[in-house]
C-alpha cells in the first residue's frame, strides 16, 4: 500500500530529476572536467543513472549557449564553442573585487563591528573607495559613531556570498584565531 498516495514510478521519476539537477549543478560550478567517479561522489547518483543523465543533459544543451562536453570519460559544462571568443572578452581573469578590496572586506568581516578609521589606519586611504563600493553594493552597513562610521556586514553580504552568519571567514579565506 502506498501511504504517500504516490506511485513508485512517480517517486522514481522525482528522484531521477533531482539527480539530474545535482549533476547539472556540479558541472556548472566545477569549471573543470570531472570523472564519473567524482560526479558519483559529489551527487550520490548511481553510475548507470549518472551516465544516462549526462547524455540527456548533453542533448538538452545542444541548442544553447552552453554545452556539456565529454572527453575521454571526463565531463564538463562549458560555453558553446561558437561563443568562446565573445565570452573570452568578458573573462579577463580579473575577479569582481580587486585583491586590495578583498583584503579590506575580509578585515571588516573578521573584526566587525569595526570603526572605519581603524580600517583606514590598517589599509590606507584607498580603503575609503573600497568602503564606498561595499556600501553601494549593500555588502556592509554603517552607522555614525562620533566622527567616523562603525562598519559591519549587512544581510545582503550573506545573500551575496551565499553564506550564513558565522561563515564569513570561509568565504573570504580568513580563519578566526589567526
C-alpha atoms as a PDB file:
ATOM      1  CA  UNK A   1       0.000   0.000   0.000  1.00  0.00           C
ATOM      2  CA  UNK A   2       1.356   3.440  -0.996  1.00  0.00           C
ATOM      3  CA  UNK A   3       0.967   5.585   2.116  1.00  0.00           C
ATOM      4  CA  UNK A   4       2.008   8.832   0.433  1.00  0.00           C
ATOM      5  CA  UNK A   5      -0.523   8.447  -2.362  1.00  0.00           C
ATOM      6  CA  UNK A   6       2.243   8.481  -4.958  1.00  0.00           C
ATOM      7  CA  UNK A   7       3.208   5.549  -7.095  1.00  0.00           C
ATOM      8  CA  UNK A   8       6.674   4.044  -7.130  1.00  0.00           C
ATOM      9  CA  UNK A   9       7.109   5.393 -10.672  1.00  0.00           C
ATOM     10  CA  UNK A  10       6.326   8.948  -9.523  1.00  0.00           C
ATOM     11  CA  UNK A  11       8.852   8.646  -6.707  1.00  0.00           C
ATOM     12  CA  UNK A  12      11.485   7.183  -9.077  1.00  0.00           C
ATOM     13  CA  UNK A  13      10.869   9.970 -11.607  1.00  0.00           C
ATOM     14  CA  UNK A  14      11.206  12.600  -8.884  1.00  0.00           C
ATOM     15  CA  UNK A  15      14.463  11.070  -7.630  1.00  0.00           C
ATOM     16  CA  UNK A  16      15.779  10.880 -11.195  1.00  0.00           C
ATOM     17  CA  UNK A  17      15.011  14.567 -11.796  1.00  0.00           C
ATOM     18  CA  UNK A  18      16.662  15.525  -8.508  1.00  0.00           C
ATOM     19  CA  UNK A  19      19.733  13.551  -9.599  1.00  0.00           C
ATOM     20  CA  UNK A  20      19.795  15.419 -12.926  1.00  0.00           C
ATOM     21  CA  UNK A  21      19.670  18.763 -11.098  1.00  0.00           C
ATOM     22  CA  UNK A  22      22.543  17.697  -8.820  1.00  0.00           C
ATOM     23  CA  UNK A  23      24.648  16.650 -11.827  1.00  0.00           C
ATOM     24  CA  UNK A  24      23.896  19.908 -13.633  1.00  0.00           C
ATOM     25  CA  UNK A  25      24.791  21.958 -10.547  1.00  0.00           C
ATOM     26  CA  UNK A  26      28.062  20.049 -10.058  1.00  0.00           C
ATOM     27  CA  UNK A  27      29.090  20.534 -13.687  1.00  0.00           C
ATOM     28  CA  UNK A  28      28.116  24.199 -13.572  1.00  0.00           C
ATOM     29  CA  UNK A  29      30.192  25.081 -10.530  1.00  0.00           C
ATOM     30  CA  UNK A  30      33.197  22.808 -11.168  1.00  0.00           C
ATOM     31  CA  UNK A  31      34.574  24.686 -14.157  1.00  0.00           C
ATOM     32  CA  UNK A  32      36.748  21.680 -14.993  1.00  0.00           C
ATOM     33  CA  UNK A  33      36.433  18.146 -16.287  1.00  0.00           C
ATOM     34  CA  UNK A  34      35.068  15.663 -13.750  1.00  0.00           C
ATOM     35  CA  UNK A  35      35.248  11.885 -13.881  1.00  0.00           C
ATOM     36  CA  UNK A  36      32.208   9.666 -13.412  1.00  0.00           C
ATOM     37  CA  UNK A  37      33.634   8.665 -10.019  1.00  0.00           C
ATOM     38  CA  UNK A  38      33.942  12.305  -8.933  1.00  0.00           C
ATOM     39  CA  UNK A  39      30.388  13.028 -10.069  1.00  0.00           C
ATOM     40  CA  UNK A  40      29.069   9.962  -8.226  1.00  0.00           C
ATOM     41  CA  UNK A  41      30.885  11.065  -5.053  1.00  0.00           C
ATOM     42  CA  UNK A  42      29.545  14.626  -5.339  1.00  0.00           C
ATOM     43  CA  UNK A  43      25.954  13.835  -6.265  1.00  0.00           C
ATOM     44  CA  UNK A  44      25.229  10.393  -4.766  1.00  0.00           C
ATOM     45  CA  UNK A  45      23.668   9.439  -8.105  1.00  0.00           C
ATOM     46  CA  UNK A  46      24.332   5.840  -9.124  1.00  0.00           C
ATOM     47  CA  UNK A  47      26.747   5.487 -12.075  1.00  0.00           C
ATOM     48  CA  UNK A  48      24.209   3.993 -14.505  1.00  0.00           C
ATOM     49  CA  UNK A  49      21.684   6.794 -13.939  1.00  0.00           C
ATOM     50  CA  UNK A  50      24.508   9.344 -13.945  1.00  0.00           C
ATOM     51  CA  UNK A  51      25.697   8.294 -17.411  1.00  0.00           C
ATOM     52  CA  UNK A  52      22.127   8.428 -18.735  1.00  0.00           C
ATOM     53  CA  UNK A  53      21.539  11.887 -17.222  1.00  0.00           C
ATOM     54  CA  UNK A  54      24.834  13.189 -18.634  1.00  0.00           C
ATOM     55  CA  UNK A  55      23.731  12.073 -22.071  1.00  0.00           C
ATOM     56  CA  UNK A  56      20.303  13.683 -21.540  1.00  0.00           C
ATOM     57  CA  UNK A  57      21.916  16.951 -20.378  1.00  0.00           C
ATOM     58  CA  UNK A  58      24.200  16.925 -23.408  1.00  0.00           C
ATOM     59  CA  UNK A  59      21.106  16.709 -25.634  1.00  0.00           C
ATOM     60  CA  UNK A  60      19.226  19.341 -23.593  1.00  0.00           C
ATOM     61  CA  UNK A  61      22.017  21.887 -24.079  1.00  0.00           C
ATOM     62  CA  UNK A  62      22.537  21.225 -27.827  1.00  0.00           C
ATOM     63  CA  UNK A  63      20.675  24.372 -28.940  1.00  0.00           C
ATOM     64  CA  UNK A  64      22.077  26.519 -26.136  1.00  0.00           C
ATOM     65  CA  UNK A  65      24.976  28.853 -25.445  1.00  0.00           C
ATOM     66  CA  UNK A  66      26.199  26.190 -23.027  1.00  0.00           C
ATOM     67  CA  UNK A  67      27.326  22.683 -23.858  1.00  0.00           C
ATOM     68  CA  UNK A  68      28.113  19.511 -21.973  1.00  0.00           C
ATOM     69  CA  UNK A  69      31.477  18.215 -23.176  1.00  0.00           C
ATOM     70  CA  UNK A  70      32.735  14.650 -22.784  1.00  0.00           C
ATOM     71  CA  UNK A  71      36.409  13.900 -23.301  1.00  0.00           C
ATOM     72  CA  UNK A  72      37.977  10.525 -22.504  1.00  0.00           C
ATOM     73  CA  UNK A  73      35.350   9.721 -19.864  1.00  0.00           C
ATOM     74  CA  UNK A  74      35.528  13.139 -18.205  1.00  0.00           C
ATOM     75  CA  UNK A  75      32.633  15.603 -18.311  1.00  0.00           C
ATOM     76  CA  UNK A  76      32.442  19.374 -18.177  1.00  0.00           C
ATOM     77  CA  UNK A  77      29.895  22.142 -18.696  1.00  0.00           C
ATOM     78  CA  UNK A  78      31.330  24.871 -20.894  1.00  0.00           C
ATOM     79  CA  UNK A  79      30.421  27.772 -23.133  1.00  0.00           C
ATOM     80  CA  UNK A  80      29.370  26.582 -26.589  1.00  0.00           C
ATOM     81  CA  UNK A  81      32.398  26.731 -28.882  1.00  0.00           C
ATOM     82  CA  UNK A  82      30.822  29.307 -31.234  1.00  0.00           C
ATOM     83  CA  UNK A  83      30.567  31.780 -28.303  1.00  0.00           C
ATOM     84  CA  UNK A  84      34.008  31.365 -26.721  1.00  0.00           C
ATOM     85  CA  UNK A  85      35.588  34.398 -28.393  1.00  0.00           C
ATOM     86  CA  UNK A  86      32.771  36.635 -27.141  1.00  0.00           C
ATOM     87  CA  UNK A  87      32.966  35.199 -23.629  1.00  0.00           C
ATOM     88  CA  UNK A  88      36.754  35.482 -23.528  1.00  0.00           C
ATOM     89  CA  UNK A  89      36.350  39.255 -23.813  1.00  0.00           C
ATOM     90  CA  UNK A  90      34.425  39.138 -20.531  1.00  0.00           C
ATOM     91  CA  UNK A  91      36.658  36.597 -18.832  1.00  0.00           C
ATOM     92  CA  UNK A  92      39.726  38.731 -18.390  1.00  0.00           C
ATOM     93  CA  UNK A  93      40.858  36.754 -15.381  1.00  0.00           C
ATOM     94  CA  UNK A  94      40.001  39.551 -13.008  1.00  0.00           C
ATOM     95  CA  UNK A  95      37.647  38.880 -10.144  1.00  0.00           C
ATOM     96  CA  UNK A  96      34.757  41.088  -9.173  1.00  0.00           C
ATOM     97  CA  UNK A  97      36.819  42.633  -6.385  1.00  0.00           C
ATOM     98  CA  UNK A  98      40.483  43.541  -6.517  1.00  0.00           C
ATOM     99  CA  UNK A  99      42.851  41.839  -4.090  1.00  0.00           C
ATOM    100  CA  UNK A 100      43.023  45.054  -2.052  1.00  0.00           C
ATOM    101  CA  UNK A 101      39.206  45.258  -1.894  1.00  0.00           C
ATOM    102  CA  UNK A 102      39.014  41.606  -0.853  1.00  0.00           C
ATOM    103  CA  UNK A 103      41.514  42.261   1.936  1.00  0.00           C
ATOM    104  CA  UNK A 104      39.558  45.287   3.176  1.00  0.00           C
ATOM    105  CA  UNK A 105      36.298  43.326   3.147  1.00  0.00           C
ATOM    106  CA  UNK A 106      37.969  40.403   4.937  1.00  0.00           C
ATOM    107  CA  UNK A 107      39.118  42.696   7.742  1.00  0.00           C
ATOM    108  CA  UNK A 108      35.625  44.149   8.107  1.00  0.00           C
ATOM    109  CA  UNK A 109      34.124  40.643   8.195  1.00  0.00           C
ATOM    110  CA  UNK A 110      36.689  39.370  10.668  1.00  0.00           C
ATOM    111  CA  UNK A 111      36.683  42.332  13.057  1.00  0.00           C
ATOM    112  CA  UNK A 112      33.083  43.560  12.750  1.00  0.00           C
ATOM    113  CA  UNK A 113      31.846  45.819  14.092  1.00  0.00           C
ATOM    114  CA  UNK A 114      34.878  47.951  13.334  1.00  0.00           C
ATOM    115  CA  UNK A 115      35.392  51.679  13.016  1.00  0.00           C
ATOM    116  CA  UNK A 116      36.100  52.992   9.532  1.00  0.00           C
ATOM    117  CA  UNK A 117      39.037  54.955  10.956  1.00  0.00           C
ATOM    118  CA  UNK A 118      40.643  51.678  12.065  1.00  0.00           C
ATOM    119  CA  UNK A 119      40.227  50.205   8.576  1.00  0.00           C
ATOM    120  CA  UNK A 120      41.861  53.316   7.083  1.00  0.00           C
ATOM    121  CA  UNK A 121      44.787  53.005   9.515  1.00  0.00           C
ATOM    122  CA  UNK A 122      45.244  49.350   8.578  1.00  0.00           C
ATOM    123  CA  UNK A 123      44.568  49.550   4.818  1.00  0.00           C
ATOM    124  CA  UNK A 124      45.424  53.157   3.921  1.00  0.00           C
ATOM    125  CA  UNK A 125      43.388  55.867   2.157  1.00  0.00           C
ATOM    126  CA  UNK A 126      42.364  53.578  -0.732  1.00  0.00           C
ATOM    127  CA  UNK A 127      40.094  51.808   1.766  1.00  0.00           C
ATOM    128  CA  UNK A 128      37.732  54.815   1.583  1.00  0.00           C
ATOM    129  CA  UNK A 129      36.979  53.790  -2.026  1.00  0.00           C
ATOM    130  CA  UNK A 130      36.606  50.147  -1.019  1.00  0.00           C
ATOM    131  CA  UNK A 131      34.157  51.001   1.762  1.00  0.00           C
ATOM    132  CA  UNK A 132      32.177  53.288  -0.542  1.00  0.00           C
ATOM    133  CA  UNK A 133      31.868  50.457  -3.088  1.00  0.00           C
ATOM    134  CA  UNK A 134      30.807  47.931  -0.425  1.00  0.00           C
ATOM    135  CA  UNK A 135      28.164  50.328   0.921  1.00  0.00           C
ATOM    136  CA  UNK A 136      26.846  50.985  -2.614  1.00  0.00           C
ATOM    137  CA  UNK A 137      26.633  47.225  -3.225  1.00  0.00           C
ATOM    138  CA  UNK A 138      24.877  46.822   0.113  1.00  0.00           C
ATOM    139  CA  UNK A 139      27.521  44.420   1.429  1.00  0.00           C
ATOM    140  CA  UNK A 140      28.268  46.404   4.559  1.00  0.00           C
ATOM    141  CA  UNK A 141      26.150  48.513   6.843  1.00  0.00           C
ATOM    142  CA  UNK A 142      27.480  51.587   8.531  1.00  0.00           C
ATOM    143  CA  UNK A 143      26.251  53.774  11.322  1.00  0.00           C
ATOM    144  CA  UNK A 144      27.606  57.047  12.565  1.00  0.00           C
ATOM    145  CA  UNK A 145      29.892  56.753  15.588  1.00  0.00           C
ATOM    146  CA  UNK A 146      31.265  60.153  16.543  1.00  0.00           C
ATOM    147  CA  UNK A 147      33.483  61.438  13.725  1.00  0.00           C
ATOM    148  CA  UNK A 148      33.698  58.068  11.994  1.00  0.00           C
ATOM    149  CA  UNK A 149      31.475  55.183  10.914  1.00  0.00           C
ATOM    150  CA  UNK A 150      31.012  51.800  12.502  1.00  0.00           C
ATOM    151  CA  UNK A 151      31.113  49.118   9.808  1.00  0.00           C
ATOM    152  CA  UNK A 152      29.570  45.664   9.902  1.00  0.00           C
ATOM    153  CA  UNK A 153      28.348  43.115   7.397  1.00  0.00           C
ATOM    154  CA  UNK A 154      24.803  43.537   6.137  1.00  0.00           C
ATOM    155  CA  UNK A 155      22.247  40.818   5.490  1.00  0.00           C
ATOM    156  CA  UNK A 156      22.957  41.378   1.789  1.00  0.00           C
ATOM    157  CA  UNK A 157      26.560  40.236   2.332  1.00  0.00           C
ATOM    158  CA  UNK A 158      25.308  36.829   3.427  1.00  0.00           C
ATOM    159  CA  UNK A 159      22.921  36.604   0.476  1.00  0.00           C
ATOM    160  CA  UNK A 160      25.547  37.850  -1.996  1.00  0.00           C
ATOM    161  CA  UNK A 161      28.142  35.255  -0.983  1.00  0.00           C
ATOM    162  CA  UNK A 162      25.553  32.547  -0.164  1.00  0.00           C
ATOM    163  CA  UNK A 163      26.755  32.069   3.401  1.00  0.00           C
ATOM    164  CA  UNK A 164      25.072  32.021   6.771  1.00  0.00           C
ATOM    165  CA  UNK A 165      26.153  34.200   9.641  1.00  0.00           C
ATOM    166  CA  UNK A 166      29.428  32.998  11.114  1.00  0.00           C
ATOM    167  CA  UNK A 167      30.684  31.543   7.814  1.00  0.00           C
ATOM    168  CA  UNK A 168      32.239  34.785   6.538  1.00  0.00           C
ATOM    169  CA  UNK A 169      35.806  33.677   7.211  1.00  0.00           C
ATOM    170  CA  UNK A 170      35.348  30.632   4.957  1.00  0.00           C
ATOM    171  CA  UNK A 171      34.232  32.826   2.056  1.00  0.00           C
ATOM    172  CA  UNK A 172      36.975  35.368   2.468  1.00  0.00           C
ATOM    173  CA  UNK A 173      39.753  32.850   3.094  1.00  0.00           C
ATOM    174  CA  UNK A 174      40.406  34.048   6.612  1.00  0.00           C
ATOM    175  CA  UNK A 175      40.403  31.867   9.683  1.00  0.00           C
ATOM    176  CA  UNK A 176      39.321  33.109  13.072  1.00  0.00           C
ATOM    177  CA  UNK A 177      42.103  32.989  15.596  1.00  0.00           C
ATOM    178  CA  UNK A 178      44.977  33.755  13.221  1.00  0.00           C
END
